[in-house]
Amino acid sequence: MSITAPNPAIPSASSAYGISEWPDTNALYARLKELVQQPVRAIRPENMATVLRYFDEKCRRSKQLARAAADVIPGGIQHNLAFNYPFPLAMSSAKGAYFTDVDGNRYIDFLKAGGPTLLDSNNEVVRQKVHQVLDNCGPVTGVLHEYEVKLAQLVCEAMPSIEMFRMLGSGTEAVMAAIRLARAHTGRKWIIKIGGAYHGWSDQMVYGMRIPGTGRREAVGIPRQATAFIQERFPNDLDALRRTLWLNRLRGGTAAIIVEPLGPESGTRPVYRDFNRELRKLCDEFNALLIFDEVVTGFRVGMGGAQGYFGVKPDITVLGKCLTGGYPMAGGIGGSRDVMMLLAGGIGTTSKRAFVGGTLSANPLSAAAGYFSIQEMQRTHAAVHAGRAGDRLRRGLDEIIRRLNLPYVAYNQGSIVHLQTSAVMLMSMRNPIKVMREATTRKHVMEEMGAAFSAHGIITIAGSRIYTGLADTDAVIDDALNRFEDVLKLV
């Protein structure tokens, strides 16, 4: 079953989602399996030398800043999104669909800050509204502000499962709160995550991150007790989930299953169309809560998020990224009233509660930015238009891949587009020898591909994930496709 967006420029409310068609999951996994099994196809060494000359000759100021950053910042970057091979590019401006770096080079922005800037970079309508709030009261007051209420009301109206909403500082914080809330509400301790998903960097959720089956591989500095009650199961494996729920029932029960509703790593490993509906049934059968991590999908898939698109109501929803349209302190948690009241704030309360805090959470700047950003997303039907841009880009990439006879795989879920060239993110610990033997090489090939995209005026996430937005017109996408083709000809 698929949901098809209508042809008119302004869609009806019932079809206002950016995913026009769900990928044929079986066919897609067959192609991805073939890509993983065959030798990696990299950019030819002589062509890679030309790519690297771009950075030496055209990005000298960025190179200087990268060297200075490496002296005072661990690894030279504050966030993994800023990593770029051979060195991070420093941007001086972001506007509409484009970045400009400190050397004056312009790039098509398919990074979208990792997803938040669905409208476009530095949206003028939102910026003017935020400036008014800053002029009146500054970014933070520590007391109640009207936009806290307005944003919460807007979120509750938009998201099908949310009756109450609590704003926090980031997606990581919101996931931490969701897990704590699930345990407090159910009185149980076991949390099952779908392996390979990214739910932030808290001690518990680093377990089973990025590649399914890795368990504590990324848990350096984290005591085993912190992950003692976290379990991971492979994506789409409902039988294994059921067995785990049965086993947990004998050990006190499962508090919650947490899932990225499109699939781990923003749909890098897509779930089957009915997977979330089956999760809902399992959670109901075993009296566990269902947590949707909609940090990426919330408002990017549509106003109702992935839960609206799939028609599945989770018990707890985690929001981030698009919540404030790219402004800081983007995080929040929502759910039904009976669950959410365990997060009731206030000093000295004697009722049972799951404690969360955050001095800067729900500050006037962030709350106002969220309120006006979501209003603008609603007014412009941003998710639908961004999804159409993603469809156009994916279709073009498919055509280029076929014409150049490459083994690469392009697919999308609306405005989230994946271009798999090295397939390092599709490897699995079901074949650990292959992971240990090939992961480093495949990762470097992905980094080189990302560098080649940058040298041809396109910024992506690690050369494998692309976010489209409202500002990505047909002309922008067609220009990008010409640039992608130039890069893929270097293989």
Protein backbone atom coordinates (compact mmCIF):
# COMPACT_ATOMS: atom_id res chain seq x y z
CA MET A 1 0.00 0.00 0.00
CA SER A 2 1.25 3.51 -0.73
CA ILE A 3 0.01 7.04 -0.21
CA THR A 4 0.25 9.24 -3.29
CA ALA A 5 0.48 13.00 -3.07
CA PRO A 6 -2.01 14.80 -5.32
CA ASN A 7 -0.99 16.84 -8.34
CA PRO A 8 -2.35 20.26 -7.29
CA ALA A 9 0.16 22.70 -5.83
CA ILE A 10 -1.76 22.87 -2.57
CA PRO A 11 -2.61 19.42 -1.22
CA SER A 12 -5.63 18.55 0.85
CA ALA A 13 -5.15 18.12 4.61
CA SER A 14 -5.71 14.37 4.39
CA SER A 15 -2.85 13.89 1.91
CA ALA A 16 -0.42 16.53 3.17
CA TYR A 17 2.54 14.20 3.59
CA GLY A 18 5.86 14.37 1.81
CA ILE A 19 6.16 10.64 1.08
CA SER A 20 4.38 10.07 -2.22
CA GLU A 21 5.14 6.35 -2.38
CA TRP A 22 6.73 3.88 0.03
CA PRO A 23 9.70 2.03 -1.52
CA ASP A 24 9.28 -1.58 -2.62
CA THR A 25 11.15 -2.83 0.44
CA ASN A 26 11.88 -6.34 -0.82
CA ALA A 27 13.26 -5.12 -4.14
CA LEU A 28 15.26 -2.40 -2.39
CA TYR A 29 16.88 -4.80 0.06
CA ALA A 30 17.77 -7.15 -2.79
CA ARG A 31 19.65 -4.32 -4.53
CA LEU A 32 21.33 -3.23 -1.29
CA LYS A 33 22.40 -6.80 -0.54
CA GLU A 34 23.97 -7.04 -3.98
CA LEU A 35 25.80 -3.75 -3.41
CA VAL A 36 27.20 -4.94 -0.07
CA GLN A 37 28.35 -8.27 -1.49
CA GLN A 38 30.34 -6.94 -4.43
CA PRO A 39 33.68 -5.06 -4.36
CA VAL A 40 33.31 -1.38 -3.67
CA ARG A 41 33.41 0.95 -6.69
CA ALA A 42 35.47 4.00 -5.77
CA ILE A 43 36.49 7.19 -7.54
CA ARG A 44 39.56 6.49 -9.66
CA PRO A 45 42.82 7.62 -7.98
CA GLU A 46 43.75 10.10 -10.73
CA ASN A 47 40.30 11.68 -10.48
CA MET A 48 40.49 11.78 -6.68
CA ALA A 49 43.74 13.73 -6.98
CA THR A 50 41.87 16.36 -9.01
CA VAL A 51 39.12 16.48 -6.37
CA LEU A 52 41.65 17.06 -3.60
CA ARG A 53 43.30 19.88 -5.56
CA TYR A 54 40.00 21.75 -5.33
CA PHE A 55 40.33 21.91 -1.56
CA ASP A 56 43.98 23.00 -1.70
CA GLU A 57 43.39 25.70 -4.30
CA LYS A 58 39.84 26.92 -3.65
CA CYS A 59 39.37 26.40 0.10
CA ARG A 60 42.49 27.92 1.64
CA ARG A 61 40.72 29.94 4.33
CA SER A 62 38.69 26.87 5.35
CA LYS A 63 41.93 24.91 5.58
CA GLN A 64 43.46 27.55 7.85
CA LEU A 65 40.41 27.52 10.12
CA ALA A 66 40.42 23.72 10.19
CA ARG A 67 44.04 23.73 11.33
CA ALA A 68 43.28 26.31 14.03
CA ALA A 69 40.25 24.31 15.17
CA ALA A 70 42.33 21.14 15.49
CA ASP A 71 44.53 22.94 18.04
CA VAL A 72 41.68 23.80 20.42
CA ILE A 73 38.77 21.47 19.55
CA PRO A 74 39.07 17.67 19.86
CA GLY A 75 39.20 16.31 16.34
CA GLY A 76 38.75 19.84 14.98
CA ILE A 77 34.94 19.71 14.88
CA GLN A 78 32.14 20.15 17.41
CA HIS A 79 29.65 17.89 15.64
CA ASN A 80 30.01 14.92 13.28
CA LEU A 81 27.92 16.70 10.65
CA ALA A 82 30.78 19.17 10.20
CA PHE A 83 33.22 16.44 9.21
CA ASN A 84 34.33 16.66 5.62
CA TYR A 85 37.22 14.88 3.93
CA PRO A 86 39.98 16.09 3.64
CA PHE A 87 39.08 18.87 6.11
CA PRO A 88 35.92 20.66 7.31
CA LEU A 89 34.60 23.48 5.15
CA ALA A 90 33.82 26.70 7.03
CA MET A 91 30.64 28.42 5.89
CA SER A 92 30.09 32.17 6.10
CA SER A 93 26.45 32.33 5.00
CA ALA A 94 23.39 30.15 4.50
CA LYS A 95 20.42 31.39 2.54
CA GLY A 96 17.61 29.57 0.79
CA ALA A 97 19.00 26.48 -0.93
CA TYR A 98 22.65 27.50 -0.73
CA PHE A 99 25.76 27.75 1.44
CA THR A 100 28.68 30.10 0.78
CA ASP A 101 32.00 29.24 2.39
CA VAL A 102 34.63 31.65 3.76
CA ASP A 103 36.51 31.44 0.45
CA GLY A 104 33.46 32.56 -1.51
CA ASN A 105 32.55 29.16 -2.98
CA ARG A 106 28.82 28.42 -3.27
CA TYR A 107 27.23 25.03 -2.62
CA ILE A 108 23.79 23.49 -2.87
CA ASP A 109 22.82 22.73 0.73
CA PHE A 110 21.54 19.17 0.95
CA LEU A 111 22.78 18.94 4.54
CA LYS A 112 19.94 21.08 5.90
CA ALA A 113 21.81 21.20 9.24
CA GLY A 114 21.17 17.46 9.54
CA GLY A 115 17.46 17.89 8.82
CA PRO A 116 16.09 20.89 10.78
CA THR A 117 15.92 23.49 8.01
CA LEU A 118 12.94 22.13 6.12
CA LEU A 119 11.72 25.61 5.14
CA ASP A 120 15.09 26.88 3.91
CA SER A 121 18.20 28.23 5.54
CA ASN A 122 17.69 31.43 7.52
CA ASN A 123 14.02 31.75 6.63
CA GLU A 124 13.13 35.43 6.54
CA VAL A 125 9.58 35.15 7.90
CA VAL A 126 10.69 33.21 10.97
CA ARG A 127 13.80 35.35 11.46
CA GLN A 128 11.80 38.57 11.64
CA LYS A 129 9.39 37.09 14.21
CA VAL A 130 12.27 35.78 16.33
CA HIS A 131 13.97 39.18 16.21
CA GLN A 132 10.84 40.77 17.66
CA VAL A 133 10.91 38.36 20.58
CA LEU A 134 14.62 39.03 21.15
CA ASP A 135 14.03 42.77 21.09
CA ASN A 136 11.24 42.49 23.66
CA CYS A 137 12.64 40.04 26.22
CA GLY A 138 15.88 38.50 25.03
CA PRO A 139 16.53 34.79 24.42
CA VAL A 140 15.88 33.46 27.93
CA THR A 141 13.96 34.59 31.01
CA GLY A 142 13.57 31.52 33.22
CA VAL A 143 9.84 32.20 33.62
CA LEU A 144 6.73 31.31 31.65
CA HIS A 145 6.40 32.87 28.21
CA GLU A 146 3.35 32.86 25.94
CA TYR A 147 5.16 31.08 23.12
CA GLU A 148 5.74 28.05 25.32
CA VAL A 149 1.98 27.65 25.44
CA LYS A 150 1.43 28.50 21.78
CA LEU A 151 4.06 26.00 20.63
CA ALA A 152 2.67 23.23 22.84
CA GLN A 153 -0.84 23.90 21.54
CA LEU A 154 0.39 23.77 17.94
CA VAL A 155 2.26 20.49 18.49
CA CYS A 156 -0.80 18.92 20.14
CA GLU A 157 -3.00 20.00 17.24
CA ALA A 158 -0.60 18.64 14.61
CA MET A 159 0.55 15.29 16.04
CA PRO A 160 -2.21 12.64 16.26
CA SER A 161 -0.99 10.98 19.48
CA ILE A 162 0.07 14.05 21.48
CA GLU A 163 -2.25 15.48 24.11
CA MET A 164 0.47 17.13 26.20
CA PHE A 165 3.95 18.32 25.28
CA ARG A 166 7.11 19.10 27.25
CA MET A 167 9.95 20.97 25.56
CA LEU A 168 13.59 20.05 26.19
CA GLY A 169 16.97 21.06 24.84
CA SER A 170 17.72 18.41 22.20
CA GLY A 171 16.66 15.12 20.69
CA THR A 172 19.13 13.30 22.92
CA GLU A 173 17.56 14.83 26.04
CA ALA A 174 14.08 14.04 24.79
CA VAL A 175 14.97 10.37 24.22
CA MET A 176 16.45 10.19 27.73
CA ALA A 177 13.21 11.62 29.09
CA ALA A 178 11.10 9.21 27.02
CA ILE A 179 12.92 6.17 28.38
CA ARG A 180 12.70 7.44 31.94
CA LEU A 181 9.01 8.22 31.48
CA ALA A 182 8.26 4.78 30.01
CA ARG A 183 9.90 3.06 32.96
CA ALA A 184 8.16 5.30 35.47
CA HIS A 185 4.76 4.74 33.87
CA THR A 186 5.04 0.96 33.49
CA GLY A 187 7.19 0.12 36.50
CA ARG A 188 9.34 -2.03 34.19
CA LYS A 189 12.97 -1.78 33.17
CA TRP A 190 13.57 -3.45 29.79
CA ILE A 191 13.87 -1.20 26.72
CA ILE A 192 14.07 -2.71 23.23
CA LYS A 193 15.50 -0.64 20.40
CA ILE A 194 15.57 -1.47 16.71
CA GLY A 195 19.27 -2.12 16.09
CA GLY A 196 21.28 0.38 14.07
CA ALA A 197 19.05 3.30 14.99
CA TYR A 198 20.45 6.59 16.21
CA HIS A 199 18.61 7.90 19.26
CA GLY A 200 21.22 10.39 20.44
CA TRP A 201 24.36 9.88 22.46
CA SER A 202 23.08 9.16 25.97
CA ASP A 203 24.70 6.25 27.83
CA GLN A 204 21.80 3.89 27.19
CA MET A 205 21.16 4.65 23.52
CA VAL A 206 24.76 4.31 22.33
CA TYR A 207 24.01 0.59 22.51
CA GLY A 208 23.51 -1.00 19.07
CA MET A 209 24.19 2.21 17.19
CA ARG A 210 24.50 2.60 13.40
CA ILE A 211 25.23 -1.04 12.53
CA PRO A 212 22.74 -3.60 13.96
CA GLY A 213 24.24 -6.14 16.29
CA THR A 214 27.14 -4.00 17.47
CA GLY A 215 25.88 -3.82 21.07
CA ARG A 216 28.41 -1.92 23.19
CA ARG A 217 30.91 -1.29 20.40
CA GLU A 218 30.51 2.51 20.75
CA ALA A 219 30.11 2.41 24.55
CA VAL A 220 33.62 3.55 25.48
CA GLY A 221 33.51 5.20 28.91
CA ILE A 222 30.05 3.84 29.67
CA PRO A 223 29.65 1.32 32.54
CA ARG A 224 27.95 -1.94 31.61
CA GLN A 225 25.25 -1.22 34.18
CA ALA A 226 24.08 1.72 32.05
CA THR A 227 23.14 -0.59 29.16
CA ALA A 228 22.22 -3.63 31.26
CA PHE A 229 18.51 -3.36 30.45
CA ILE A 230 18.80 -2.20 26.83
CA GLN A 231 18.22 -4.77 24.11
CA GLU A 232 18.44 -4.48 20.32
CA ARG A 233 16.73 -6.50 17.65
CA PHE A 234 17.35 -6.39 13.92
CA PRO A 235 15.07 -4.17 11.80
CA ASN A 236 11.94 -5.85 10.43
CA ASP A 237 12.48 -9.01 12.51
CA LEU A 238 9.09 -9.26 14.22
CA ASP A 239 9.60 -12.89 15.25
CA ALA A 240 12.72 -12.00 17.24
CA LEU A 241 10.88 -9.09 18.83
CA ARG A 242 8.05 -11.35 19.92
CA ARG A 243 10.48 -13.86 21.45
CA THR A 244 12.22 -11.08 23.36
CA LEU A 245 8.93 -9.71 24.65
CA TRP A 246 7.97 -13.21 25.86
CA LEU A 247 11.29 -13.62 27.61
CA ASN A 248 11.07 -10.19 29.20
CA ARG A 249 7.57 -11.01 30.47
CA LEU A 250 9.17 -13.76 32.57
CA ARG A 251 11.66 -11.19 33.91
CA GLY A 252 9.25 -8.44 34.87
CA GLY A 253 8.11 -7.12 31.50
CA THR A 254 9.15 -4.63 28.84
CA ALA A 255 8.75 -0.92 29.46
CA ALA A 256 8.94 0.18 25.83
CA ILE A 257 10.06 -0.42 22.28
CA ILE A 258 11.76 2.61 20.72
CA VAL A 259 11.95 2.96 16.96
CA GLU A 260 12.79 5.39 14.18
CA PRO A 261 9.53 4.93 12.25
CA LEU A 262 11.12 5.13 8.78
CA GLY A 263 13.87 2.71 9.81
CA PRO A 264 17.27 3.01 11.51
CA GLU A 265 19.45 6.02 10.68
CA SER A 266 16.62 8.05 9.16
CA GLY A 267 15.46 5.21 6.95
CA THR A 268 18.90 4.09 5.79
CA ARG A 269 17.54 0.60 6.52
CA PRO A 270 13.88 1.08 5.55
CA VAL A 271 11.23 -0.76 7.51
CA TYR A 272 8.41 -2.57 5.77
CA ARG A 273 5.27 -0.51 5.20
CA ASP A 274 3.34 -2.30 7.97
CA PHE A 275 6.21 -2.68 10.43
CA ASN A 276 5.09 0.13 12.75
CA ARG A 277 1.53 -1.16 12.77
CA GLU A 278 2.82 -4.59 13.82
CA LEU A 279 4.94 -2.96 16.53
CA ARG A 280 1.80 -1.29 17.84
CA LYS A 281 0.06 -4.66 18.04
CA LEU A 282 3.00 -6.26 19.86
CA CYS A 283 3.18 -3.43 22.37
CA ASP A 284 -0.54 -3.70 23.05
CA GLU A 285 -0.28 -7.47 23.46
CA PHE A 286 2.60 -7.27 25.93
CA ASN A 287 1.50 -4.04 27.68
CA ALA A 288 4.63 -2.18 26.61
CA LEU A 289 4.76 1.43 25.47
CA LEU A 290 5.65 2.32 21.90
CA ILE A 291 8.07 5.23 21.51
CA PHE A 292 8.39 6.92 18.12
CA ASP A 293 11.64 8.81 17.74
CA GLU A 294 10.40 11.49 15.35
CA VAL A 295 13.40 13.75 15.75
CA VAL A 296 13.96 13.56 11.98
CA THR A 297 10.45 12.74 10.77
CA GLY A 298 8.48 15.16 12.93
CA PHE A 299 7.12 17.84 10.53
CA ARG A 300 9.60 16.77 7.80
CA VAL A 301 7.35 13.86 6.74
CA GLY A 302 4.30 16.06 7.24
CA MET A 303 2.49 18.02 9.92
CA GLY A 304 1.37 14.78 11.54
CA GLY A 305 4.82 13.23 11.41
CA ALA A 306 5.47 9.61 10.52
CA GLN A 307 2.68 8.59 12.89
CA GLY A 308 0.20 10.50 10.75
CA TYR A 309 1.58 9.05 7.55
CA PHE A 310 1.51 5.45 8.82
CA GLY A 311 -1.70 5.87 10.79
CA VAL A 312 -0.08 4.48 13.94
CA LYS A 313 -0.32 6.20 17.33
CA PRO A 314 2.70 5.75 19.61
CA ASP A 315 2.40 6.21 23.37
CA ILE A 316 5.33 8.62 23.48
CA THR A 317 6.68 10.82 20.70
CA VAL A 318 10.16 12.33 20.68
CA LEU A 319 10.63 15.51 18.64
CA GLY A 320 13.68 17.57 17.65
CA LYS A 321 15.36 19.14 14.61
CA CYS A 322 12.39 20.62 12.69
CA LEU A 323 10.63 21.50 15.97
CA THR A 324 12.35 24.91 16.05
CA GLY A 325 13.10 25.24 12.35
CA GLY A 326 16.86 25.16 12.87
CA TYR A 327 17.02 27.41 15.93
CA PRO A 328 18.75 26.13 19.09
CA MET A 329 17.27 23.97 21.88
CA ALA A 330 15.18 21.79 19.57
CA GLY A 331 13.82 18.88 21.55
CA GLY A 332 10.61 17.73 23.14
CA ILE A 333 8.46 14.84 24.26
CA GLY A 334 4.73 14.35 23.87
CA GLY A 335 2.08 11.76 24.56
CA SER A 336 -1.24 11.04 26.17
CA ARG A 337 -2.26 13.01 29.25
CA ASP A 338 -2.06 10.06 31.66
CA VAL A 339 1.50 9.26 30.58
CA MET A 340 2.75 12.83 30.32
CA MET A 341 1.53 13.94 33.74
CA LEU A 342 4.42 11.98 35.23
CA LEU A 343 6.61 14.78 33.88
CA ALA A 344 4.79 17.46 35.86
CA GLY A 345 7.25 20.13 36.93
CA GLY A 346 7.46 22.19 40.06
CA ILE A 347 9.56 22.20 43.21
CA GLY A 348 8.59 20.07 46.16
CA THR A 349 5.88 18.03 44.46
CA THR A 350 5.10 14.90 46.44
CA SER A 351 3.41 12.94 43.66
CA LYS A 352 5.24 10.25 41.70
CA ARG A 353 7.10 11.79 38.81
CA ALA A 354 9.89 11.22 36.31
CA PHE A 355 12.27 14.11 36.84
CA VAL A 356 13.59 16.07 33.87
CA GLY A 357 15.12 19.52 33.83
CA GLY A 358 16.97 22.06 31.71
CA THR A 359 17.58 25.73 32.51
CA LEU A 360 17.36 26.81 28.88
CA SER A 361 14.56 24.48 27.82
CA ALA A 362 11.50 26.21 26.34
CA ASN A 363 13.22 29.59 26.33
CA PRO A 364 11.39 32.42 24.50
CA LEU A 365 13.73 32.33 21.49
CA SER A 366 13.34 28.59 20.89
CA ALA A 367 9.63 28.46 21.65
CA ALA A 368 8.86 31.39 19.38
CA ALA A 369 11.10 29.98 16.63
CA GLY A 370 9.24 26.69 16.90
CA TYR A 371 5.82 28.28 16.83
CA PHE A 372 6.50 30.46 13.79
CA SER A 373 8.50 27.77 11.96
CA ILE A 374 5.73 25.19 12.28
CA GLN A 375 3.14 27.77 11.25
CA GLU A 376 5.22 28.54 8.16
CA MET A 377 5.65 24.83 7.39
CA GLN A 378 1.88 24.49 7.59
CA ARG A 379 1.18 27.56 5.46
CA THR A 380 3.62 26.62 2.70
CA HIS A 381 3.00 22.83 2.76
CA ALA A 382 6.77 22.57 3.11
CA ALA A 383 6.87 18.82 3.72
CA VAL A 384 4.97 18.04 0.52
CA HIS A 385 7.05 20.35 -1.66
CA ALA A 386 10.28 19.08 -0.10
CA GLY A 387 9.09 15.53 -0.70
CA ARG A 388 8.44 16.26 -4.36
CA ALA A 389 11.98 17.65 -4.62
CA GLY A 390 13.25 14.43 -3.05
CA ASP A 391 11.26 12.36 -5.56
CA ARG A 392 12.66 14.36 -8.47
CA LEU A 393 16.21 13.99 -7.17
CA ARG A 394 15.90 10.25 -6.59
CA ARG A 395 14.41 9.64 -10.03
CA GLY A 396 17.27 11.57 -11.59
CA LEU A 397 19.88 9.67 -9.60
CA ASP A 398 18.27 6.38 -10.61
CA GLU A 399 18.53 7.37 -14.27
CA ILE A 400 22.19 8.41 -13.95
CA ILE A 401 23.11 5.20 -12.12
CA ARG A 402 21.47 3.08 -14.81
CA ARG A 403 23.02 5.03 -17.67
CA LEU A 404 26.52 4.82 -16.18
CA ASN A 405 26.05 1.13 -15.36
CA LEU A 406 26.95 1.61 -11.68
CA PRO A 407 25.88 -0.72 -8.85
CA TYR A 408 24.83 2.16 -6.60
CA VAL A 409 21.37 2.41 -5.05
CA ALA A 410 19.24 5.56 -4.66
CA TYR A 411 15.98 5.60 -2.72
CA ASN A 412 13.96 8.09 -0.75
CA GLN A 413 11.21 8.55 1.78
CA GLY A 414 10.00 11.95 0.67
CA SER A 415 12.57 14.62 1.44
CA ILE A 416 15.03 12.11 2.93
CA VAL A 417 17.11 10.78 0.03
CA HIS A 418 19.72 8.03 0.30
CA LEU A 419 22.51 7.45 -2.20
CA GLN A 420 24.39 4.29 -1.30
CA THR A 421 27.75 3.98 -3.02
CA SER A 422 30.02 2.17 -0.54
CA ALA A 423 27.20 0.53 1.47
CA VAL A 424 29.16 0.79 4.73
CA MET A 425 25.96 1.79 6.56
CA LEU A 426 24.22 -1.31 5.21
CA MET A 427 26.67 -3.80 6.68
CA SER A 428 25.51 -6.08 9.49
CA MET A 429 27.02 -7.90 12.43
CA ARG A 430 25.25 -10.98 11.13
CA ASN A 431 28.43 -11.12 9.04
CA PRO A 432 31.02 -9.75 11.52
CA ILE A 433 34.06 -10.95 9.55
CA LYS A 434 33.00 -8.88 6.54
CA VAL A 435 32.40 -5.85 8.78
CA MET A 436 35.84 -6.10 10.37
CA ARG A 437 37.54 -6.71 7.02
CA GLU A 438 35.81 -4.09 4.88
CA ALA A 439 34.22 -1.40 7.06
CA THR A 440 37.25 0.91 7.18
CA THR A 441 37.79 0.78 3.43
CA ARG A 442 34.13 1.29 2.63
CA LYS A 443 33.92 4.19 5.07
CA HIS A 444 36.86 5.92 3.39
CA VAL A 445 35.29 5.41 -0.05
CA MET A 446 32.14 7.10 1.30
CA GLU A 447 34.27 9.99 2.61
CA GLU A 448 35.94 10.38 -0.79
CA MET A 449 32.55 10.44 -2.49
CA GLY A 450 31.41 13.16 -0.09
CA ALA A 451 34.55 15.17 -0.88
CA ALA A 452 33.90 14.85 -4.61
CA PHE A 453 30.33 16.09 -4.12
CA SER A 454 31.65 19.09 -2.17
CA ALA A 455 34.25 19.84 -4.85
CA HIS A 456 31.39 19.90 -7.35
CA GLY A 457 29.29 22.30 -5.27
CA ILE A 458 27.06 19.93 -3.29
CA ILE A 459 27.04 19.45 0.49
CA THR A 460 25.53 16.17 1.75
CA ILE A 461 25.73 14.11 4.93
CA ALA A 462 28.83 11.95 4.58
CA GLY A 463 28.23 11.57 0.86
CA SER A 464 25.32 9.21 1.42
CA ARG A 465 22.29 11.09 2.78
CA ILE A 466 20.54 14.09 1.30
CA TYR A 467 17.80 16.26 2.77
CA THR A 468 15.66 18.38 0.48
CA GLY A 469 13.62 21.39 1.53
CA LEU A 470 11.10 23.98 0.46
CA ALA A 471 13.77 26.06 -1.30
CA ASP A 472 14.80 23.17 -3.58
CA THR A 473 12.99 24.09 -6.77
CA ASP A 474 13.06 22.03 -9.96
CA ALA A 475 15.89 24.24 -11.19
CA VAL A 476 17.95 23.57 -8.04
CA ILE A 477 17.38 19.81 -8.29
CA ASP A 478 18.22 19.69 -12.01
CA ASP A 479 21.41 21.65 -11.41
CA ALA A 480 22.31 19.23 -8.60
CA LEU A 481 21.70 16.22 -10.85
CA ASN A 482 24.17 17.56 -13.40
CA ARG A 483 26.73 17.91 -10.61
CA PHE A 484 26.03 14.42 -9.26
CA GLU A 485 26.50 13.01 -12.75
CA ASP A 486 29.86 14.76 -13.10
CA VAL A 487 31.00 13.08 -9.88
CA LEU A 488 29.69 9.62 -10.72
CA LYS A 489 31.55 9.76 -14.03
CA LEU A 490 34.77 9.85 -11.98
CA VAL A 491 34.21 6.30 -10.68
